[in-house]
Amino acid sequence: MKAVLKTCAGLALLVSALAVTGCGPSSTPVDVPNPPATAAIKQNLQGAVETGQLGSGMMAIDNEIEKLAATDAAKAAELKKEFAAVKSASSPAQVKAKAKEMMDKL
């Protein structure tokens, strides 16, 4: 019985010590640059090129094209037109081909 009490007391002391010391001083936050919109579009198109299917990346591509429009409206307009062709493709082979064409323009 005394051994159990000693173990419990030791664990309580250890937990208390860890709670008081914490994880140490916090570090300085580091800014992580966001990849350019074109890189994100390429990454999402890669899945369509490989599978011939447009999954959840479709919305991400639309969002990235909108972001690009703020800095390069002409490029964004061209990509919107290209992406409309990708979305309207009727077969996986067409999706792959159109997505590859769009990636080559990035």
C-alpha atoms as a PDB file:
ATOM      1  CA  MET A   1       0.000   0.000   0.000  1.00  0.00           C
ATOM      2  CA  LYS A   2       2.832   2.395   0.876  1.00  0.00           C
ATOM      3  CA  ALA A   3       4.518   1.578  -2.445  1.00  0.00           C
ATOM      4  CA  VAL A   4       1.376   2.576  -4.352  1.00  0.00           C
ATOM      5  CA  LEU A   5       1.133   5.854  -2.420  1.00  0.00           C
ATOM      6  CA  LYS A   6       4.824   6.588  -3.094  1.00  0.00           C
ATOM      7  CA  THR A   7       4.305   5.901  -6.819  1.00  0.00           C
ATOM      8  CA  CYS A   8       1.233   8.127  -6.972  1.00  0.00           C
ATOM      9  CA  ALA A   9       3.007  10.894  -5.071  1.00  0.00           C
ATOM     10  CA  GLY A  10       6.014  10.610  -7.373  1.00  0.00           C
ATOM     11  CA  LEU A  11       3.822  10.819 -10.464  1.00  0.00           C
ATOM     12  CA  ALA A  12       1.945  13.805  -9.048  1.00  0.00           C
ATOM     13  CA  LEU A  13       5.254  15.549  -8.349  1.00  0.00           C
ATOM     14  CA  LEU A  14       6.489  14.795 -11.861  1.00  0.00           C
ATOM     15  CA  VAL A  15       3.293  16.069 -13.495  1.00  0.00           C
ATOM     16  CA  SER A  16       3.434  19.224 -11.375  1.00  0.00           C
ATOM     17  CA  ALA A  17       7.043  19.850 -12.338  1.00  0.00           C
ATOM     18  CA  LEU A  18       6.272  19.422 -16.017  1.00  0.00           C
ATOM     19  CA  ALA A  19       3.251  21.707 -15.801  1.00  0.00           C
ATOM     20  CA  VAL A  20       5.282  24.441 -14.126  1.00  0.00           C
ATOM     21  CA  THR A  21       8.198  24.289 -16.556  1.00  0.00           C
ATOM     22  CA  GLY A  22       6.029  24.108 -19.672  1.00  0.00           C
ATOM     23  CA  CYS A  23       7.549  23.905 -23.098  1.00  0.00           C
ATOM     24  CA  GLY A  24      10.061  26.690 -22.678  1.00  0.00           C
ATOM     25  CA  PRO A  25      10.080  30.137 -24.236  1.00  0.00           C
ATOM     26  CA  SER A  26       8.066  30.630 -27.376  1.00  0.00           C
ATOM     27  CA  SER A  27       9.916  31.082 -30.615  1.00  0.00           C
ATOM     28  CA  THR A  28       9.662  33.932 -33.053  1.00  0.00           C
ATOM     29  CA  PRO A  29       6.998  33.260 -35.691  1.00  0.00           C
ATOM     30  CA  VAL A  30       8.333  32.747 -39.179  1.00  0.00           C
ATOM     31  CA  ASP A  31       6.433  33.933 -42.221  1.00  0.00           C
ATOM     32  CA  VAL A  32       5.986  31.154 -44.742  1.00  0.00           C
ATOM     33  CA  PRO A  33       5.508  32.544 -48.228  1.00  0.00           C
ATOM     34  CA  ASN A  34       2.463  31.348 -50.131  1.00  0.00           C
ATOM     35  CA  PRO A  35       3.249  29.710 -53.455  1.00  0.00           C
ATOM     36  CA  PRO A  36       2.244  31.730 -56.500  1.00  0.00           C
ATOM     37  CA  ALA A  37      -1.239  31.072 -57.849  1.00  0.00           C
ATOM     38  CA  THR A  38       0.191  29.494 -60.995  1.00  0.00           C
ATOM     39  CA  ALA A  39       2.089  26.896 -58.937  1.00  0.00           C
ATOM     40  CA  ALA A  40      -1.067  25.983 -57.012  1.00  0.00           C
ATOM     41  CA  ILE A  41      -3.026  25.709 -60.273  1.00  0.00           C
ATOM     42  CA  LYS A  42      -0.351  23.435 -61.740  1.00  0.00           C
ATOM     43  CA  GLN A  43      -0.393  21.242 -58.659  1.00  0.00           C
ATOM     44  CA  ASN A  44      -4.172  20.817 -58.826  1.00  0.00           C
ATOM     45  CA  LEU A  45      -4.129  20.205 -62.580  1.00  0.00           C
ATOM     46  CA  GLN A  46      -1.543  17.458 -62.130  1.00  0.00           C
ATOM     47  CA  GLY A  47      -4.192  15.260 -60.539  1.00  0.00           C
ATOM     48  CA  ALA A  48      -6.475  15.722 -63.548  1.00  0.00           C
ATOM     49  CA  VAL A  49      -3.616  14.932 -65.927  1.00  0.00           C
ATOM     50  CA  GLU A  50      -2.882  11.709 -64.033  1.00  0.00           C
ATOM     51  CA  THR A  51      -6.445  10.486 -63.455  1.00  0.00           C
ATOM     52  CA  GLY A  52      -8.595  12.168 -66.090  1.00  0.00           C
ATOM     53  CA  GLN A  53     -10.981  13.299 -63.355  1.00  0.00           C
ATOM     54  CA  LEU A  54     -11.679  16.671 -61.821  1.00  0.00           C
ATOM     55  CA  GLY A  55     -12.141  16.247 -58.107  1.00  0.00           C
ATOM     56  CA  SER A  56     -12.025  18.746 -55.291  1.00  0.00           C
ATOM     57  CA  GLY A  57      -9.133  20.479 -57.030  1.00  0.00           C
ATOM     58  CA  MET A  58     -11.646  22.049 -59.397  1.00  0.00           C
ATOM     59  CA  MET A  59     -12.783  24.587 -56.805  1.00  0.00           C
ATOM     60  CA  ALA A  60      -9.202  25.264 -55.783  1.00  0.00           C
ATOM     61  CA  ILE A  61      -8.265  26.022 -59.391  1.00  0.00           C
ATOM     62  CA  ASP A  62     -11.178  28.462 -59.711  1.00  0.00           C
ATOM     63  CA  ASN A  63     -10.062  30.189 -56.492  1.00  0.00           C
ATOM     64  CA  GLU A  64      -6.440  30.416 -57.623  1.00  0.00           C
ATOM     65  CA  ILE A  65      -7.471  31.884 -60.983  1.00  0.00           C
ATOM     66  CA  GLU A  66      -9.442  34.534 -59.081  1.00  0.00           C
ATOM     67  CA  LYS A  67      -6.358  35.323 -56.979  1.00  0.00           C
ATOM     68  CA  LEU A  68      -4.266  35.601 -60.131  1.00  0.00           C
ATOM     69  CA  ALA A  69      -6.788  38.047 -61.612  1.00  0.00           C
ATOM     70  CA  ALA A  70      -5.764  40.593 -58.971  1.00  0.00           C
ATOM     71  CA  THR A  71      -2.197  40.690 -60.292  1.00  0.00           C
ATOM     72  CA  ASP A  72      -2.462  39.527 -63.929  1.00  0.00           C
ATOM     73  CA  ALA A  73      -5.944  39.946 -65.374  1.00  0.00           C
ATOM     74  CA  ALA A  74      -4.959  38.922 -68.908  1.00  0.00           C
ATOM     75  CA  LYS A  75      -3.363  35.660 -67.769  1.00  0.00           C
ATOM     76  CA  ALA A  76      -6.333  34.934 -65.494  1.00  0.00           C
ATOM     77  CA  ALA A  77      -8.787  35.482 -68.361  1.00  0.00           C
ATOM     78  CA  GLU A  78      -6.814  33.092 -70.576  1.00  0.00           C
ATOM     79  CA  LEU A  79      -6.697  30.474 -67.814  1.00  0.00           C
ATOM     80  CA  LYS A  80     -10.430  30.842 -67.153  1.00  0.00           C
ATOM     81  CA  LYS A  81     -11.098  30.067 -70.812  1.00  0.00           C
ATOM     82  CA  GLU A  82      -8.724  27.084 -70.721  1.00  0.00           C
ATOM     83  CA  PHE A  83     -10.233  25.779 -67.502  1.00  0.00           C
ATOM     84  CA  ALA A  84     -13.741  26.012 -68.952  1.00  0.00           C
ATOM     85  CA  ALA A  85     -12.529  23.680 -71.716  1.00  0.00           C
ATOM     86  CA  VAL A  86     -11.126  21.271 -69.125  1.00  0.00           C
ATOM     87  CA  LYS A  87     -14.394  21.262 -67.185  1.00  0.00           C
ATOM     88  CA  SER A  88     -16.464  20.673 -70.320  1.00  0.00           C
ATOM     89  CA  ALA A  89     -14.393  17.679 -71.454  1.00  0.00           C
ATOM     90  CA  SER A  90     -16.628  14.646 -71.783  1.00  0.00           C
ATOM     91  CA  SER A  91     -14.172  11.802 -71.276  1.00  0.00           C
ATOM     92  CA  PRO A  92     -11.206  11.125 -68.992  1.00  0.00           C
ATOM     93  CA  ALA A  93      -8.894  11.174 -72.018  1.00  0.00           C
ATOM     94  CA  GLN A  94     -10.159  14.637 -72.977  1.00  0.00           C
ATOM     95  CA  VAL A  95      -9.792  15.866 -69.385  1.00  0.00           C
ATOM     96  CA  LYS A  96      -6.192  14.639 -69.365  1.00  0.00           C
ATOM     97  CA  ALA A  97      -5.418  16.302 -72.705  1.00  0.00           C
ATOM     98  CA  LYS A  98      -7.070  19.631 -71.864  1.00  0.00           C
ATOM     99  CA  ALA A  99      -5.508  19.745 -68.387  1.00  0.00           C
ATOM    100  CA  LYS A 100      -2.080  19.050 -69.912  1.00  0.00           C
ATOM    101  CA  GLU A 101      -2.596  21.847 -72.450  1.00  0.00           C
ATOM    102  CA  MET A 102      -3.544  24.219 -69.640  1.00  0.00           C
ATOM    103  CA  MET A 103      -0.520  23.198 -67.563  1.00  0.00           C
ATOM    104  CA  ASP A 104       1.774  23.844 -70.517  1.00  0.00           C
ATOM    105  CA  LYS A 105       0.526  27.435 -70.646  1.00  0.00           C
ATOM    106  CA  LEU A 106       1.441  28.098 -67.034  1.00  0.00           C
END
